């Protein structure tokens, strides 16, 4: 175990002495950001819009159902509305 740690220390020392290459990637990154800003035709956007529409339809059906379930006397009052006086 001690030999493995010693070898790793030597490898780390060699890596610290090695100079990193100087590469300028700023131009490419900025170009990619500019290109992606106007990209709304991706399949993910279509999926997001479809999911939002599906959630809206589900909410439209579930709100009245939730309101009828939370009112325990609701069915009783609905039956009495049909009784002629």
Protein backbone atom coordinates (compact mmCIF):
# COMPACT_ATOMS: atom_id res chain seq x y z
CA UNK A 1 0.00 0.00 0.00
CA UNK A 2 2.87 2.33 0.85
CA UNK A 3 4.49 1.69 -2.55
CA UNK A 4 1.29 2.60 -4.38
CA UNK A 5 0.99 5.91 -2.51
CA UNK A 6 4.65 6.69 -3.21
CA UNK A 7 4.14 6.02 -6.93
CA UNK A 8 1.05 8.24 -6.97
CA UNK A 9 3.02 11.04 -5.28
CA UNK A 10 5.74 10.76 -7.93
CA UNK A 11 3.16 10.82 -10.71
CA UNK A 12 1.52 13.90 -9.19
CA UNK A 13 4.90 15.67 -8.98
CA UNK A 14 5.53 14.92 -12.67
CA UNK A 15 2.09 16.24 -13.58
CA UNK A 16 2.71 19.48 -11.66
CA UNK A 17 5.96 20.10 -13.56
CA UNK A 18 4.33 19.64 -16.98
CA UNK A 19 3.21 22.89 -18.62
CA UNK A 20 -0.38 23.06 -19.82
CA UNK A 21 -0.85 23.87 -23.52
CA UNK A 22 -2.06 27.38 -24.27
CA UNK A 23 -5.21 27.14 -26.38
CA UNK A 24 -7.64 30.01 -27.00
CA UNK A 25 -11.18 28.65 -27.04
CA UNK A 26 -12.97 31.93 -26.34
CA UNK A 27 -13.96 32.59 -29.96
CA UNK A 28 -15.50 29.15 -30.44
CA UNK A 29 -17.43 29.31 -27.17
CA UNK A 30 -18.84 32.76 -27.91
CA UNK A 31 -19.86 31.62 -31.40
CA UNK A 32 -21.70 28.59 -29.96
CA UNK A 33 -23.52 30.82 -27.46
CA UNK A 34 -24.64 33.21 -30.21
CA UNK A 35 -25.84 30.34 -32.40
CA UNK A 36 -27.78 28.67 -29.59
CA UNK A 37 -29.57 31.86 -28.49
CA UNK A 38 -31.95 31.80 -31.48
CA UNK A 39 -32.45 28.03 -31.63
CA UNK A 40 -36.11 27.40 -30.81
CA UNK A 41 -36.74 24.64 -33.33
CA UNK A 42 -35.17 21.89 -31.30
CA UNK A 43 -37.12 18.70 -30.53
CA UNK A 44 -36.77 19.43 -26.82
CA UNK A 45 -38.73 22.67 -27.24
CA UNK A 46 -41.53 20.77 -29.00
CA UNK A 47 -41.56 18.28 -26.13
CA UNK A 48 -41.73 21.11 -23.56
CA UNK A 49 -44.65 22.78 -25.35
CA UNK A 50 -46.50 19.46 -25.64
CA UNK A 51 -45.96 18.71 -21.96
CA UNK A 52 -47.23 22.16 -20.99
CA UNK A 53 -50.37 21.71 -23.11
CA UNK A 54 -51.00 18.27 -21.62
CA UNK A 55 -50.59 19.67 -18.11
CA UNK A 56 -53.10 22.42 -18.90
CA UNK A 57 -55.69 19.92 -20.15
CA UNK A 58 -55.21 17.73 -17.09
CA UNK A 59 -55.58 20.76 -14.79
CA UNK A 60 -58.78 21.81 -16.59
CA UNK A 61 -60.35 18.40 -15.89
CA UNK A 62 -58.95 17.86 -12.42
CA UNK A 63 -59.98 21.15 -10.74
CA UNK A 64 -63.76 20.49 -10.96
CA UNK A 65 -63.23 16.88 -9.86
CA UNK A 66 -61.14 18.00 -6.89
CA UNK A 67 -63.76 20.55 -5.88
CA UNK A 68 -66.52 17.95 -6.00
CA UNK A 69 -64.49 15.53 -3.91
CA UNK A 70 -63.66 18.07 -1.22
CA UNK A 71 -67.31 19.09 -0.68
CA UNK A 72 -69.03 16.18 1.13
CA UNK A 73 -72.50 17.74 0.97
CA UNK A 74 -72.24 18.70 -2.71
CA UNK A 75 -74.13 15.66 -4.06
CA UNK A 76 -76.95 16.25 -1.55
CA UNK A 77 -77.43 19.83 -2.70
CA UNK A 78 -77.26 18.78 -6.34
CA UNK A 79 -80.10 16.29 -5.78
CA UNK A 80 -82.26 18.87 -4.05
CA UNK A 81 -81.91 21.33 -6.92
CA UNK A 82 -84.04 19.06 -9.13
CA UNK A 83 -86.98 18.89 -6.69
CA UNK A 84 -89.86 21.11 -7.87
CA UNK A 85 -91.28 23.32 -5.16
